[in-house]
Amino acid sequence: MLADSGWRPTRVPKSQGMTPQSRDYYKDRSGKVRSGVWACNAGTIEIRDNPAEEVCFVVSGTVRVTDCTGRSETFGTGECLALPRGFSGLWAQSDDFAIVYVAVEGA
């Protein structure tokens, strides 16, 4: 079951009423490697200097990721995307959006 998760400091919601939920299924001892499920209703998030290398598999919905140069790509159910460490840009998702993710933080 997913629980309300709030926002990390590097994720700034740009749409009102977004309610993220998540559940970590794995964390290593250092806390730098984690995986789990994240879901949220429709909206846009500004990502500022992403602290982790992240691989996301879209379970439901679609997301459009736009980097700081304006290049964008859309991913839908059944597709994977990677967010590199240091990424800054916009993440705009559809309603009933969910991903399974693996994140590796730090150097």
Protein backbone atom coordinates (compact mmCIF):
# COMPACT_ATOMS: atom_id res chain seq x y z
CA MET A 1 0.00 0.00 0.00
CA LEU A 2 1.24 3.49 -0.86
CA ALA A 3 1.43 6.29 1.70
CA ASP A 4 1.47 10.09 1.38
CA SER A 5 5.08 11.04 0.74
CA GLY A 6 5.31 14.80 0.40
CA TRP A 7 7.96 16.50 -1.74
CA ARG A 8 11.74 16.22 -1.67
CA PRO A 9 13.57 19.59 -1.58
CA THR A 10 14.68 19.19 -5.22
CA ARG A 11 11.08 18.67 -6.45
CA VAL A 12 8.85 21.75 -6.57
CA PRO A 13 5.20 21.22 -7.53
CA LYS A 14 4.01 23.82 -10.05
CA SER A 15 0.37 22.61 -10.02
CA GLN A 16 -1.93 22.88 -7.02
CA GLY A 17 -3.52 19.82 -5.47
CA MET A 18 -0.85 17.28 -6.39
CA THR A 19 -0.76 14.49 -3.80
CA PRO A 20 2.25 12.18 -4.23
CA GLN A 21 2.23 8.73 -2.69
CA SER A 22 5.05 6.23 -2.54
CA ARG A 23 6.49 3.14 -1.00
CA ASP A 24 10.15 2.18 -0.86
CA TYR A 25 10.61 -1.55 -1.38
CA TYR A 26 14.39 -1.57 -1.04
CA LYS A 27 17.04 0.62 0.61
CA ASP A 28 20.67 -0.34 1.00
CA ARG A 29 22.46 0.19 4.31
CA SER A 30 23.94 3.52 3.22
CA GLY A 31 20.54 4.83 2.09
CA LYS A 32 22.04 5.77 -1.28
CA VAL A 33 20.33 3.03 -3.32
CA ARG A 34 16.56 2.67 -3.17
CA SER A 35 13.72 1.37 -5.26
CA GLY A 36 9.98 1.49 -4.99
CA VAL A 37 6.72 2.80 -6.40
CA TRP A 38 5.69 6.45 -6.76
CA ALA A 39 2.24 7.67 -7.86
CA CYS A 40 0.53 11.03 -8.16
CA ASN A 41 -2.38 12.80 -9.79
CA ALA A 42 -1.91 15.14 -12.79
CA GLY A 43 0.35 18.15 -12.64
CA THR A 44 3.78 19.62 -13.27
CA ILE A 45 6.88 19.41 -11.08
CA GLU A 46 10.08 21.43 -11.40
CA ILE A 47 13.12 19.25 -10.77
CA ARG A 48 16.14 21.19 -9.50
CA ASP A 49 19.60 19.60 -9.69
CA ASN A 50 18.44 15.99 -9.33
CA PRO A 51 20.66 14.39 -6.63
CA ALA A 52 20.37 10.83 -7.99
CA GLU A 53 20.72 8.71 -11.09
CA GLU A 54 17.15 7.44 -11.57
CA VAL A 55 15.60 4.85 -13.85
CA CYS A 56 11.80 4.90 -13.99
CA PHE A 57 9.39 2.41 -15.54
CA VAL A 58 5.98 3.96 -16.26
CA VAL A 59 3.26 1.69 -14.85
CA SER A 60 0.30 3.94 -15.72
CA GLY A 61 -0.26 7.29 -17.40
CA THR A 62 2.15 9.48 -19.33
CA VAL A 63 4.88 11.96 -18.45
CA ARG A 64 6.55 14.67 -20.51
CA VAL A 65 10.08 15.50 -19.37
CA THR A 66 11.58 18.80 -20.55
CA ASP A 67 15.20 19.70 -19.82
CA CYS A 68 16.55 23.21 -19.21
CA THR A 69 17.39 23.63 -22.92
CA GLY A 70 13.74 23.01 -23.90
CA ARG A 71 14.25 19.50 -25.28
CA SER A 72 11.32 17.29 -24.28
CA GLU A 73 10.21 13.71 -24.60
CA THR A 74 7.01 11.92 -23.61
CA PHE A 75 6.91 8.46 -22.02
CA GLY A 76 3.84 6.27 -21.52
CA THR A 77 2.77 3.05 -19.86
CA GLY A 78 5.33 0.30 -20.43
CA GLU A 79 8.21 2.65 -21.24
CA CYS A 80 11.40 3.45 -19.29
CA LEU A 81 13.16 6.75 -18.80
CA ALA A 82 16.33 7.83 -17.07
CA LEU A 83 16.89 11.05 -15.14
CA PRO A 84 20.60 11.75 -14.73
CA ARG A 85 22.16 13.19 -11.61
CA GLY A 86 22.16 16.98 -11.97
CA PHE A 87 19.08 17.07 -14.22
CA SER A 88 17.03 20.27 -14.02
CA GLY A 89 13.77 20.74 -15.87
CA LEU A 90 10.03 20.06 -15.85
CA TRP A 91 8.14 16.82 -15.29
CA ALA A 92 4.48 17.05 -16.44
CA GLN A 93 2.33 13.98 -15.83
CA SER A 94 -1.17 12.78 -16.58
CA ASP A 95 -3.73 11.80 -13.98
CA ASP A 96 -3.40 8.33 -12.40
CA PHE A 97 0.35 8.39 -13.04
CA ALA A 98 2.63 5.77 -11.46
CA ILE A 99 6.22 4.56 -11.81
CA VAL A 100 8.48 1.88 -10.44
CA TYR A 101 11.91 3.43 -9.84
CA VAL A 102 15.51 2.68 -8.89
CA ALA A 103 17.57 5.63 -7.61
CA VAL A 104 21.29 5.81 -6.79
CA GLU A 105 22.37 8.95 -4.89
CA GLY A 106 25.81 10.43 -4.31
CA ALA A 107 29.09 9.87 -6.07
